Amino acid sequence: MTQAVETLPGKSKKKKTKKPKAPFKERLATFKTHVSNNKWLYILAIPGLTYFLVFKYAPMYGVIIAFKDYVPFLGINGSQWVGLENFKDFFINPDFFRIMGNTLILALLNIVIGFPAPIILALLLNEVRSNIYKRVVQTLVYIPHFLSWTIVVSLTFVLFSINGGAVTTLVQSITGQEIDFLSDPNWFRPMIILQGVWKGVGWGTIIYLAALSGVDQEQYEAAIMDGAGRFARVWHITLPAIRSTVVIMLIMKVGSILSTGFDQIYLMTNALNRPVADVFDTYVYMMGITQGAYSYSTAVGLFKSVVGIILVLTTNKIARKLGETGLY
């Protein structure tokens, strides 16, 4: 007697048949054919791959000195192995909490203020109907991206110097108070964020405008026919169009949360604002180059890199769980 089994609609389970792998020789022949058909693409990739191998991956061997008491005369292999002692010294150092606090505050300010700035500018430019005006504004805001931090900081010194700076003189004439923007620790972080927004907003805007260029204009026309206002169109059409780009840029931003940048911070640091200006990048330079603590500074840099990788993986996983594509 046979027993009938009823399956509910949508509940039937299909056995996944695992596709057998092709023999190695067949896969090798397929790979050779693929390379032969795309040989010029692989040839074009050689300079980029060479750059990463020589300047990015090969130097990673030197990370081993973070676990040694490195002495230049003895070399990497001849130096004594100390394990995690350099990391312990860093974590119990009173400078750890000060540097971590300064770095996190700057990173959070950069995410809260600096990250939305190009998005807002891209949304504003997307609403401009005059192509000439839009291109002129794009060009003007993109130019600072090509300036080095040395030039940006030099311009800051000229404008905000206490001795005849244009902005300082204007503020003094309005408020009657002389403010030392360059040396006052309370003004260090606002100056850093202001410089970062001015220099980087143009680059981010181009990325988001490129994402918006693929939006079907018929969606806006249909929304207008339905009576949607300008803000409604931005909220329901424009923002969803760049959502995946925003998520990817945010993941990359979070990954570099401990990398606030060396050039800008170092050039803006002086004896008066140093308590709030020391971050991981400048601390590694000070300990490794100026004081010769190579193993200790390598341990600090390695700690920063590991935290960055963890943040990228965690943020990417959260984004994928929320239905976004993420980085991979």
C-alpha atoms as a PDB file:
ATOM      1  CA  MET A   1       0.000   0.000   0.000  1.00  0.00           C
ATOM      2  CA  THR A   2       1.490   3.248  -1.079  1.00  0.00           C
ATOM      3  CA  GLN A   3       1.108   6.414   0.974  1.00  0.00           C
ATOM      4  CA  ALA A   4       0.413   9.625  -0.911  1.00  0.00           C
ATOM      5  CA  VAL A   5       2.302  12.663   0.214  1.00  0.00           C
ATOM      6  CA  GLU A   6       0.726  16.027  -0.419  1.00  0.00           C
ATOM      7  CA  THR A   7       2.948  19.013  -0.914  1.00  0.00           C
ATOM      8  CA  LEU A   8       1.694  22.475  -0.221  1.00  0.00           C
ATOM      9  CA  PRO A   9       1.964  25.024  -2.997  1.00  0.00           C
ATOM     10  CA  GLY A  10       5.262  26.885  -2.826  1.00  0.00           C
ATOM     11  CA  LYS A  11       6.648  24.439  -0.249  1.00  0.00           C
ATOM     12  CA  SER A  12       8.011  21.818  -2.593  1.00  0.00           C
ATOM     13  CA  LYS A  13      11.715  21.276  -2.197  1.00  0.00           C
ATOM     14  CA  LYS A  14      13.866  20.730  -5.209  1.00  0.00           C
ATOM     15  CA  LYS A  15      17.063  18.853  -4.771  1.00  0.00           C
ATOM     16  CA  LYS A  16      19.990  20.880  -5.932  1.00  0.00           C
ATOM     17  CA  THR A  17      22.098  18.748  -8.161  1.00  0.00           C
ATOM     18  CA  LYS A  18      25.747  19.639  -7.885  1.00  0.00           C
ATOM     19  CA  LYS A  19      27.261  20.181 -11.267  1.00  0.00           C
ATOM     20  CA  PRO A  20      30.327  17.990 -11.615  1.00  0.00           C
ATOM     21  CA  LYS A  21      33.574  19.790 -12.193  1.00  0.00           C
ATOM     22  CA  ALA A  22      35.158  19.537 -15.578  1.00  0.00           C
ATOM     23  CA  PRO A  23      38.484  17.699 -15.788  1.00  0.00           C
ATOM     24  CA  PHE A  24      41.564  19.755 -15.028  1.00  0.00           C
ATOM     25  CA  LYS A  25      42.873  19.590 -18.591  1.00  0.00           C
ATOM     26  CA  GLU A  26      39.564  20.850 -19.925  1.00  0.00           C
ATOM     27  CA  ARG A  27      39.483  23.746 -17.433  1.00  0.00           C
ATOM     28  CA  LEU A  28      43.098  24.610 -18.265  1.00  0.00           C
ATOM     29  CA  ALA A  29      42.270  24.657 -21.990  1.00  0.00           C
ATOM     30  CA  THR A  30      39.278  26.930 -21.302  1.00  0.00           C
ATOM     31  CA  PHE A  31      41.459  29.282 -19.258  1.00  0.00           C
ATOM     32  CA  LYS A  32      44.087  29.438 -22.009  1.00  0.00           C
ATOM     33  CA  THR A  33      41.403  30.221 -24.558  1.00  0.00           C
ATOM     34  CA  HIS A  34      40.031  32.981 -22.340  1.00  0.00           C
ATOM     35  CA  VAL A  35      43.483  34.511 -21.909  1.00  0.00           C
ATOM     36  CA  SER A  36      44.172  34.252 -25.634  1.00  0.00           C
ATOM     37  CA  ASN A  37      40.905  35.983 -26.517  1.00  0.00           C
ATOM     38  CA  ASN A  38      41.518  38.792 -24.008  1.00  0.00           C
ATOM     39  CA  LYS A  39      45.314  39.020 -24.178  1.00  0.00           C
ATOM     40  CA  TRP A  40      45.371  42.759 -24.847  1.00  0.00           C
ATOM     41  CA  LEU A  41      43.291  43.435 -21.748  1.00  0.00           C
ATOM     42  CA  TYR A  42      45.729  41.401 -19.648  1.00  0.00           C
ATOM     43  CA  ILE A  43      48.671  43.237 -21.210  1.00  0.00           C
ATOM     44  CA  LEU A  44      47.073  46.572 -20.298  1.00  0.00           C
ATOM     45  CA  ALA A  45      46.647  45.303 -16.720  1.00  0.00           C
ATOM     46  CA  ILE A  46      50.358  44.465 -16.329  1.00  0.00           C
ATOM     47  CA  PRO A  47      51.515  47.988 -15.242  1.00  0.00           C
ATOM     48  CA  GLY A  48      48.764  48.232 -12.609  1.00  0.00           C
ATOM     49  CA  LEU A  49      49.434  44.739 -11.287  1.00  0.00           C
ATOM     50  CA  THR A  50      53.172  45.439 -11.204  1.00  0.00           C
ATOM     51  CA  TYR A  51      52.573  48.621  -9.211  1.00  0.00           C
ATOM     52  CA  PHE A  52      50.504  46.826  -6.578  1.00  0.00           C
ATOM     53  CA  LEU A  53      52.923  43.887  -6.357  1.00  0.00           C
ATOM     54  CA  VAL A  54      56.021  46.058  -5.970  1.00  0.00           C
ATOM     55  CA  PHE A  55      54.709  48.928  -3.851  1.00  0.00           C
ATOM     56  CA  LYS A  56      51.784  47.372  -1.951  1.00  0.00           C
ATOM     57  CA  TYR A  57      52.261  43.630  -1.468  1.00  0.00           C
ATOM     58  CA  ALA A  58      56.053  43.231  -1.391  1.00  0.00           C
ATOM     59  CA  PRO A  59      56.540  45.769   1.463  1.00  0.00           C
ATOM     60  CA  MET A  60      54.014  43.833   3.572  1.00  0.00           C
ATOM     61  CA  TYR A  61      56.866  41.515   4.524  1.00  0.00           C
ATOM     62  CA  GLY A  62      58.180  44.345   6.701  1.00  0.00           C
ATOM     63  CA  VAL A  63      55.070  44.154   8.900  1.00  0.00           C
ATOM     64  CA  ILE A  64      56.820  41.341  10.750  1.00  0.00           C
ATOM     65  CA  ILE A  65      58.921  43.912  12.649  1.00  0.00           C
ATOM     66  CA  ALA A  66      55.764  44.774  14.625  1.00  0.00           C
ATOM     67  CA  PHE A  67      56.379  41.483  16.460  1.00  0.00           C
ATOM     68  CA  LYS A  68      60.132  42.030  16.867  1.00  0.00           C
ATOM     69  CA  ASP A  69      62.523  44.385  18.626  1.00  0.00           C
ATOM     70  CA  TYR A  70      63.796  45.641  15.300  1.00  0.00           C
ATOM     71  CA  VAL A  71      67.380  46.827  15.121  1.00  0.00           C
ATOM     72  CA  PRO A  72      68.418  48.140  11.684  1.00  0.00           C
ATOM     73  CA  PHE A  73      71.980  46.789  12.045  1.00  0.00           C
ATOM     74  CA  LEU A  74      70.686  43.272  12.715  1.00  0.00           C
ATOM     75  CA  GLY A  75      68.014  43.321  10.007  1.00  0.00           C
ATOM     76  CA  ILE A  76      64.517  41.879  10.142  1.00  0.00           C
ATOM     77  CA  ASN A  77      65.561  38.240  10.476  1.00  0.00           C
ATOM     78  CA  GLY A  78      68.300  38.968  13.014  1.00  0.00           C
ATOM     79  CA  SER A  79      66.167  41.072  15.363  1.00  0.00           C
ATOM     80  CA  GLN A  80      64.736  39.510  18.516  1.00  0.00           C
ATOM     81  CA  TRP A  81      61.171  38.187  18.442  1.00  0.00           C
ATOM     82  CA  VAL A  82      59.035  39.840  21.154  1.00  0.00           C
ATOM     83  CA  GLY A  83      55.535  38.751  20.123  1.00  0.00           C
ATOM     84  CA  LEU A  84      52.780  41.141  21.161  1.00  0.00           C
ATOM     85  CA  GLU A  85      54.918  43.294  23.457  1.00  0.00           C
ATOM     86  CA  ASN A  86      54.783  46.312  21.118  1.00  0.00           C
ATOM     87  CA  PHE A  87      50.987  46.137  21.011  1.00  0.00           C
ATOM     88  CA  LYS A  88      50.803  45.873  24.819  1.00  0.00           C
ATOM     89  CA  ASP A  89      53.073  48.894  25.183  1.00  0.00           C
ATOM     90  CA  PHE A  90      50.803  50.860  22.870  1.00  0.00           C
ATOM     91  CA  PHE A  91      47.569  49.909  24.612  1.00  0.00           C
ATOM     92  CA  ILE A  92      48.873  50.783  28.089  1.00  0.00           C
ATOM     93  CA  ASN A  93      50.470  54.004  26.878  1.00  0.00           C
ATOM     94  CA  PRO A  94      48.608  57.120  28.106  1.00  0.00           C
ATOM     95  CA  ASP A  95      48.802  58.458  24.553  1.00  0.00           C
ATOM     96  CA  PHE A  96      46.519  55.651  23.303  1.00  0.00           C
ATOM     97  CA  PHE A  97      43.233  57.093  24.569  1.00  0.00           C
ATOM     98  CA  ARG A  98      44.154  60.638  23.541  1.00  0.00           C
ATOM     99  CA  ILE A  99      45.093  59.593  20.007  1.00  0.00           C
ATOM    100  CA  MET A 100      42.098  57.295  19.675  1.00  0.00           C
ATOM    101  CA  GLY A 101      39.764  60.048  20.880  1.00  0.00           C
ATOM    102  CA  ASN A 102      41.216  62.670  18.527  1.00  0.00           C
ATOM    103  CA  THR A 103      41.050  60.284  15.569  1.00  0.00           C
ATOM    104  CA  LEU A 104      37.478  59.168  16.241  1.00  0.00           C
ATOM    105  CA  ILE A 105      36.212  62.719  16.759  1.00  0.00           C
ATOM    106  CA  LEU A 106      37.706  63.879  13.454  1.00  0.00           C
ATOM    107  CA  ALA A 107      36.430  60.763  11.674  1.00  0.00           C
ATOM    108  CA  LEU A 108      32.888  61.158  13.007  1.00  0.00           C
ATOM    109  CA  LEU A 109      32.828  64.862  12.116  1.00  0.00           C
ATOM    110  CA  ASN A 110      34.038  63.978   8.643  1.00  0.00           C
ATOM    111  CA  ILE A 111      31.289  61.387   8.222  1.00  0.00           C
ATOM    112  CA  VAL A 112      28.526  63.596   9.623  1.00  0.00           C
ATOM    113  CA  ILE A 113      29.558  66.785   7.797  1.00  0.00           C
ATOM    114  CA  GLY A 114      31.963  65.844   5.022  1.00  0.00           C
ATOM    115  CA  PHE A 115      30.221  62.736   3.706  1.00  0.00           C
ATOM    116  CA  PRO A 116      26.768  64.268   2.992  1.00  0.00           C
ATOM    117  CA  ALA A 117      28.263  67.436   1.426  1.00  0.00           C
ATOM    118  CA  PRO A 118      28.881  66.013  -2.092  1.00  0.00           C
ATOM    119  CA  ILE A 119      25.516  64.249  -2.013  1.00  0.00           C
ATOM    120  CA  ILE A 120      23.704  67.509  -1.257  1.00  0.00           C
ATOM    121  CA  LEU A 121      25.681  69.389  -3.920  1.00  0.00           C
ATOM    122  CA  ALA A 122      24.984  66.656  -6.483  1.00  0.00           C
ATOM    123  CA  LEU A 123      21.261  66.815  -5.728  1.00  0.00           C
ATOM    124  CA  LEU A 124      21.299  70.603  -6.110  1.00  0.00           C
ATOM    125  CA  LEU A 125      23.205  70.483  -9.398  1.00  0.00           C
ATOM    126  CA  ASN A 126      20.898  67.769 -10.693  1.00  0.00           C
ATOM    127  CA  GLU A 127      17.986  70.182 -10.338  1.00  0.00           C
ATOM    128  CA  VAL A 128      19.748  72.884 -12.400  1.00  0.00           C
ATOM    129  CA  ARG A 129      18.314  73.061 -15.902  1.00  0.00           C
ATOM    130  CA  SER A 130      21.052  75.220 -17.458  1.00  0.00           C
ATOM    131  CA  ASN A 131      23.799  72.870 -18.649  1.00  0.00           C
ATOM    132  CA  ILE A 132      26.302  75.720 -19.024  1.00  0.00           C
ATOM    133  CA  TYR A 133      25.790  76.894 -15.447  1.00  0.00           C
ATOM    134  CA  LYS A 134      25.962  73.311 -14.178  1.00  0.00           C
ATOM    135  CA  ARG A 135      29.272  72.631 -15.963  1.00  0.00           C
ATOM    136  CA  VAL A 136      30.803  75.883 -14.720  1.00  0.00           C
ATOM    137  CA  VAL A 137      29.881  75.066 -11.113  1.00  0.00           C
ATOM    138  CA  GLN A 138      31.155  71.495 -11.499  1.00  0.00           C
ATOM    139  CA  THR A 139      34.490  72.755 -12.800  1.00  0.00           C
ATOM    140  CA  LEU A 140      34.887  75.336 -10.037  1.00  0.00           C
ATOM    141  CA  VAL A 141      34.156  72.895  -7.209  1.00  0.00           C
ATOM    142  CA  TYR A 142      36.336  70.189  -8.797  1.00  0.00           C
ATOM    143  CA  ILE A 143      39.503  72.331  -9.135  1.00  0.00           C
ATOM    144  CA  PRO A 144      40.500  72.119  -5.414  1.00  0.00           C
ATOM    145  CA  HIS A 145      40.722  68.332  -5.762  1.00  0.00           C
ATOM    146  CA  PHE A 146      43.907  68.771  -7.806  1.00  0.00           C
ATOM    147  CA  LEU A 147      45.600  71.006  -5.230  1.00  0.00           C
ATOM    148  CA  SER A 148      48.059  69.439  -2.810  1.00  0.00           C
ATOM    149  CA  TRP A 149      47.497  69.739   0.906  1.00  0.00           C
ATOM    150  CA  THR A 150      50.552  71.983   1.081  1.00  0.00           C
ATOM    151  CA  ILE A 151      48.823  74.553  -1.128  1.00  0.00           C
ATOM    152  CA  VAL A 152      45.530  74.207   0.750  1.00  0.00           C
ATOM    153  CA  VAL A 153      47.209  74.734   4.117  1.00  0.00           C
ATOM    154  CA  SER A 154      49.229  77.662   2.709  1.00  0.00           C
ATOM    155  CA  LEU A 155      46.002  79.310   1.554  1.00  0.00           C
ATOM    156  CA  THR A 156      44.547  78.697   5.008  1.00  0.00           C
ATOM    157  CA  PHE A 157      47.521  80.396   6.650  1.00  0.00           C
ATOM    158  CA  VAL A 158      47.178  83.397   4.326  1.00  0.00           C
ATOM    159  CA  LEU A 159      43.449  83.791   5.007  1.00  0.00           C
ATOM    160  CA  PHE A 160      43.364  82.954   8.723  1.00  0.00           C
ATOM    161  CA  SER A 161      46.704  84.317   9.916  1.00  0.00           C
ATOM    162  CA  ILE A 162      46.476  86.492  13.005  1.00  0.00           C
ATOM    163  CA  ASN A 163      48.820  88.974  11.323  1.00  0.00           C
ATOM    164  CA  GLY A 164      46.782  90.458   8.507  1.00  0.00           C
ATOM    165  CA  GLY A 165      44.720  87.420   7.458  1.00  0.00           C
ATOM    166  CA  ALA A 166      41.686  88.456   5.432  1.00  0.00           C
ATOM    167  CA  VAL A 167      39.185  86.288   7.310  1.00  0.00           C
ATOM    168  CA  THR A 168      40.722  87.076  10.707  1.00  0.00           C
ATOM    169  CA  THR A 169      40.620  90.825  10.007  1.00  0.00           C
ATOM    170  CA  LEU A 170      36.991  90.600   8.837  1.00  0.00           C
ATOM    171  CA  VAL A 171      35.923  88.658  11.949  1.00  0.00           C
ATOM    172  CA  GLN A 172      37.752  91.120  14.191  1.00  0.00           C
ATOM    173  CA  SER A 173      36.052  94.083  12.527  1.00  0.00           C
ATOM    174  CA  ILE A 174      32.613  92.485  13.015  1.00  0.00           C
ATOM    175  CA  THR A 175      32.979  91.000  16.501  1.00  0.00           C
ATOM    176  CA  GLY A 176      35.698  93.194  17.911  1.00  0.00           C
ATOM    177  CA  GLN A 177      37.601  90.113  19.069  1.00  0.00           C
ATOM    178  CA  GLU A 178      40.873  88.745  17.739  1.00  0.00           C
ATOM    179  CA  ILE A 179      40.576  84.999  17.166  1.00  0.00           C
ATOM    180  CA  ASP A 180      43.667  82.898  16.526  1.00  0.00           C
ATOM    181  CA  PHE A 181      42.125  80.271  14.232  1.00  0.00           C
ATOM    182  CA  LEU A 182      45.441  78.530  13.548  1.00  0.00           C
ATOM    183  CA  SER A 183      46.628  78.051  17.141  1.00  0.00           C
ATOM    184  CA  ASP A 184      43.424  77.791  19.179  1.00  0.00           C
ATOM    185  CA  PRO A 185      42.743  74.070  19.876  1.00  0.00           C
ATOM    186  CA  ASN A 186      38.985  74.734  19.742  1.00  0.00           C
ATOM    187  CA  TRP A 187      39.268  75.819  16.110  1.00  0.00           C
ATOM    188  CA  PHE A 188      41.540  73.004  14.915  1.00  0.00           C
ATOM    189  CA  ARG A 189      38.809  70.484  14.117  1.00  0.00           C
ATOM    190  CA  PRO A 190      36.464  72.958  12.370  1.00  0.00           C
ATOM    191  CA  MET A 191      39.397  74.088  10.214  1.00  0.00           C
ATOM    192  CA  ILE A 192      40.271  70.494   9.281  1.00  0.00           C
ATOM    193  CA  ILE A 193      36.674  69.668   8.341  1.00  0.00           C
ATOM    194  CA  LEU A 194      36.313  72.920   6.374  1.00  0.00           C
ATOM    195  CA  GLN A 195      39.467  72.178   4.391  1.00  0.00           C
ATOM    196  CA  GLY A 196      38.362  68.614   3.711  1.00  0.00           C
ATOM    197  CA  VAL A 197      34.932  69.657   2.461  1.00  0.00           C
ATOM    198  CA  TRP A 198      36.361  72.408   0.247  1.00  0.00           C
ATOM    199  CA  LYS A 199      38.948  70.080  -1.296  1.00  0.00           C
ATOM    200  CA  GLY A 200      36.925  66.890  -1.637  1.00  0.00           C
ATOM    201  CA  VAL A 201      33.337  67.942  -2.339  1.00  0.00           C
ATOM    202  CA  GLY A 202      33.945  68.278  -6.086  1.00  0.00           C
ATOM    203  CA  TRP A 203      35.282  64.747  -6.509  1.00  0.00           C
ATOM    204  CA  GLY A 204      32.371  63.202  -4.624  1.00  0.00           C
ATOM    205  CA  THR A 205      29.873  65.303  -6.546  1.00  0.00           C
ATOM    206  CA  ILE A 206      31.107  63.954  -9.886  1.00  0.00           C
ATOM    207  CA  ILE A 207      30.680  60.379  -8.641  1.00  0.00           C
ATOM    208  CA  TYR A 208      27.075  60.979  -7.586  1.00  0.00           C
ATOM    209  CA  LEU A 209      26.237  62.961 -10.729  1.00  0.00           C
ATOM    210  CA  ALA A 210      27.550  60.047 -12.797  1.00  0.00           C
ATOM    211  CA  ALA A 211      25.173  57.755 -10.903  1.00  0.00           C
ATOM    212  CA  LEU A 212      22.302  60.177 -11.508  1.00  0.00           C
ATOM    213  CA  SER A 213      22.990  60.325 -15.251  1.00  0.00           C
ATOM    214  CA  GLY A 214      21.505  56.854 -15.610  1.00  0.00           C
ATOM    215  CA  VAL A 215      18.107  57.814 -14.198  1.00  0.00           C
ATOM    216  CA  ASP A 216      15.333  57.584 -16.757  1.00  0.00           C
ATOM    217  CA  GLN A 217      13.926  61.074 -17.293  1.00  0.00           C
ATOM    218  CA  GLU A 218      10.487  59.570 -17.939  1.00  0.00           C
ATOM    219  CA  GLN A 219      10.273  58.835 -14.215  1.00  0.00           C
ATOM    220  CA  TYR A 220      10.470  62.559 -13.463  1.00  0.00           C
ATOM    221  CA  GLU A 221       7.894  63.306 -16.147  1.00  0.00           C
ATOM    222  CA  ALA A 222       5.532  60.681 -14.754  1.00  0.00           C
ATOM    223  CA  ALA A 223       6.010  62.052 -11.234  1.00  0.00           C
ATOM    224  CA  ILE A 224       5.227  65.577 -12.440  1.00  0.00           C
ATOM    225  CA  MET A 225       2.063  64.291 -14.127  1.00  0.00           C
ATOM    226  CA  ASP A 226       1.067  62.687 -10.823  1.00  0.00           C
ATOM    227  CA  GLY A 227       1.487  66.031  -9.066  1.00  0.00           C
ATOM    228  CA  ALA A 228       4.741  65.272  -7.242  1.00  0.00           C
ATOM    229  CA  GLY A 229       6.650  68.364  -6.156  1.00  0.00           C
ATOM    230  CA  ARG A 230      10.377  68.946  -6.402  1.00  0.00           C
ATOM    231  CA  PHE A 231      11.199  67.513  -2.971  1.00  0.00           C
ATOM    232  CA  ALA A 232       8.950  64.517  -3.560  1.00  0.00           C
ATOM    233  CA  ARG A 233      10.777  63.756  -6.822  1.00  0.00           C
ATOM    234  CA  VAL A 234      14.141  64.026  -5.071  1.00  0.00           C
ATOM    235  CA  TRP A 235      13.017  61.750  -2.248  1.00  0.00           C
ATOM    236  CA  HIS A 236      11.284  59.075  -4.350  1.00  0.00           C
ATOM    237  CA  ILE A 237      13.361  59.109  -7.558  1.00  0.00           C
ATOM    238  CA  THR A 238      16.731  60.823  -7.178  1.00  0.00           C
ATOM    239  CA  LEU A 239      17.828  59.436  -3.816  1.00  0.00           C
ATOM    240  CA  PRO A 240      16.873  55.814  -4.594  1.00  0.00           C
ATOM    241  CA  ALA A 241      18.842  56.114  -7.853  1.00  0.00           C
ATOM    242  CA  ILE A 242      22.096  56.822  -6.002  1.00  0.00           C
ATOM    243  CA  ARG A 243      21.417  54.676  -2.939  1.00  0.00           C
ATOM    244  CA  SER A 244      23.783  51.873  -3.976  1.00  0.00           C
ATOM    245  CA  THR A 245      26.537  54.390  -4.734  1.00  0.00           C
ATOM    246  CA  VAL A 246      26.004  56.081  -1.363  1.00  0.00           C
ATOM    247  CA  VAL A 247      26.256  52.718   0.418  1.00  0.00           C
ATOM    248  CA  ILE A 248      29.500  51.795  -1.339  1.00  0.00           C
ATOM    249  CA  MET A 249      31.046  55.196  -0.610  1.00  0.00           C
ATOM    250  CA  LEU A 250      29.925  54.941   3.026  1.00  0.00           C
ATOM    251  CA  ILE A 251      31.518  51.500   3.401  1.00  0.00           C
ATOM    252  CA  MET A 252      34.799  52.853   2.071  1.00  0.00           C
ATOM    253  CA  LYS A 253      34.521  55.884   4.347  1.00  0.00           C
ATOM    254  CA  VAL A 254      33.914  53.759   7.425  1.00  0.00           C
ATOM    255  CA  GLY A 255      36.874  51.554   6.496  1.00  0.00           C
ATOM    256  CA  SER A 256      39.192  54.548   6.651  1.00  0.00           C
ATOM    257  CA  ILE A 257      37.750  55.884   9.904  1.00  0.00           C
ATOM    258  CA  LEU A 258      41.155  55.660  11.628  1.00  0.00           C
ATOM    259  CA  SER A 259      42.975  57.102   8.606  1.00  0.00           C
ATOM    260  CA  THR A 260      42.339  60.799   8.951  1.00  0.00           C
ATOM    261  CA  GLY A 261      45.234  61.664   6.650  1.00  0.00           C
ATOM    262  CA  PHE A 262      48.818  62.613   7.405  1.00  0.00           C
ATOM    263  CA  ASP A 263      49.669  65.605   5.203  1.00  0.00           C
ATOM    264  CA  GLN A 264      46.782  67.835   6.223  1.00  0.00           C
ATOM    265  CA  ILE A 265      46.996  67.093   9.965  1.00  0.00           C
ATOM    266  CA  TYR A 266      50.779  67.358  10.096  1.00  0.00           C
ATOM    267  CA  LEU A 267      50.863  70.698   8.290  1.00  0.00           C
ATOM    268  CA  MET A 268      48.116  72.171  10.488  1.00  0.00           C
ATOM    269  CA  THR A 269      49.675  70.983  13.762  1.00  0.00           C
ATOM    270  CA  ASN A 270      51.654  73.303  16.005  1.00  0.00           C
ATOM    271  CA  ALA A 271      52.769  73.358  19.631  1.00  0.00           C
ATOM    272  CA  LEU A 272      49.527  74.980  20.846  1.00  0.00           C
ATOM    273  CA  ASN A 273      46.969  72.690  19.174  1.00  0.00           C
ATOM    274  CA  ARG A 274      48.963  69.440  19.414  1.00  0.00           C
ATOM    275  CA  PRO A 275      46.836  67.977  22.280  1.00  0.00           C
ATOM    276  CA  VAL A 276      43.831  67.773  19.909  1.00  0.00           C
ATOM    277  CA  ALA A 277      45.813  67.350  16.683  1.00  0.00           C
ATOM    278  CA  ASP A 278      47.711  64.115  17.335  1.00  0.00           C
ATOM    279  CA  VAL A 279      46.097  61.233  15.423  1.00  0.00           C
ATOM    280  CA  PHE A 280      47.279  57.766  14.404  1.00  0.00           C
ATOM    281  CA  ASP A 281      48.950  58.891  11.178  1.00  0.00           C
ATOM    282  CA  THR A 282      51.003  61.666  12.778  1.00  0.00           C
ATOM    283  CA  TYR A 283      51.751  59.515  15.833  1.00  0.00           C
ATOM    284  CA  VAL A 284      53.206  56.749  13.636  1.00  0.00           C
ATOM    285  CA  TYR A 285      55.416  59.309  11.895  1.00  0.00           C
ATOM    286  CA  MET A 286      56.559  60.864  15.166  1.00  0.00           C
ATOM    287  CA  MET A 287      57.386  57.542  16.842  1.00  0.00           C
ATOM    288  CA  GLY A 288      58.826  55.790  13.795  1.00  0.00           C
ATOM    289  CA  ILE A 289      60.740  58.506  11.954  1.00  0.00           C
ATOM    290  CA  THR A 290      61.637  61.131  14.542  1.00  0.00           C
ATOM    291  CA  GLN A 291      62.192  58.777  17.522  1.00  0.00           C
ATOM    292  CA  GLY A 292      63.340  55.627  15.714  1.00  0.00           C
ATOM    293  CA  ALA A 293      60.816  53.283  17.387  1.00  0.00           C
ATOM    294  CA  TYR A 294      60.315  51.271  14.215  1.00  0.00           C
ATOM    295  CA  SER A 295      58.721  48.184  15.744  1.00  0.00           C
ATOM    296  CA  TYR A 296      56.410  50.210  17.974  1.00  0.00           C
ATOM    297  CA  SER A 297      55.222  52.470  15.145  1.00  0.00           C
ATOM    298  CA  THR A 298      54.698  49.456  12.867  1.00  0.00           C
ATOM    299  CA  ALA A 299      52.530  47.859  15.544  1.00  0.00           C
ATOM    300  CA  VAL A 300      50.441  51.037  15.752  1.00  0.00           C
ATOM    301  CA  GLY A 301      50.028  51.144  11.969  1.00  0.00           C
ATOM    302  CA  LEU A 302      49.144  47.440  11.844  1.00  0.00           C
ATOM    303  CA  PHE A 303      46.517  47.925  14.552  1.00  0.00           C
ATOM    304  CA  LYS A 304      44.978  50.759  12.527  1.00  0.00           C
ATOM    305  CA  SER A 305      44.915  48.631   9.351  1.00  0.00           C
ATOM    306  CA  VAL A 306      43.323  45.625  11.089  1.00  0.00           C
ATOM    307  CA  VAL A 307      40.602  47.831  12.575  1.00  0.00           C
ATOM    308  CA  GLY A 308      39.950  49.286   9.107  1.00  0.00           C
ATOM    309  CA  ILE A 309      39.565  45.819   7.572  1.00  0.00           C
ATOM    310  CA  ILE A 310      37.174  44.741  10.337  1.00  0.00           C
ATOM    311  CA  LEU A 311      35.076  47.880   9.840  1.00  0.00           C
ATOM    312  CA  VAL A 312      34.890  47.340   6.068  1.00  0.00           C
ATOM    313  CA  LEU A 313      33.841  43.695   6.431  1.00  0.00           C
ATOM    314  CA  THR A 314      31.288  44.504   9.137  1.00  0.00           C
ATOM    315  CA  THR A 315      29.760  47.443   7.271  1.00  0.00           C
ATOM    316  CA  ASN A 316      29.614  45.463   4.040  1.00  0.00           C
ATOM    317  CA  LYS A 317      27.877  42.561   5.779  1.00  0.00           C
ATOM    318  CA  ILE A 318      25.314  44.914   7.349  1.00  0.00           C
ATOM    319  CA  ALA A 319      24.678  46.521   3.954  1.00  0.00           C
ATOM    320  CA  ARG A 320      24.089  43.141   2.304  1.00  0.00           C
ATOM    321  CA  LYS A 321      21.683  42.115   5.064  1.00  0.00           C
ATOM    322  CA  LEU A 322      19.731  45.312   4.414  1.00  0.00           C
ATOM    323  CA  GLY A 323      19.385  44.362   0.752  1.00  0.00           C
ATOM    324  CA  GLU A 324      22.208  46.437  -0.740  1.00  0.00           C
ATOM    325  CA  THR A 325      24.896  45.060  -3.042  1.00  0.00           C
ATOM    326  CA  GLY A 326      27.889  46.218  -0.999  1.00  0.00           C
ATOM    327  CA  LEU A 327      31.472  46.025  -2.198  1.00  0.00           C
ATOM    328  CA  TYR A 328      31.358  42.301  -2.979  1.00  0.00           C
END
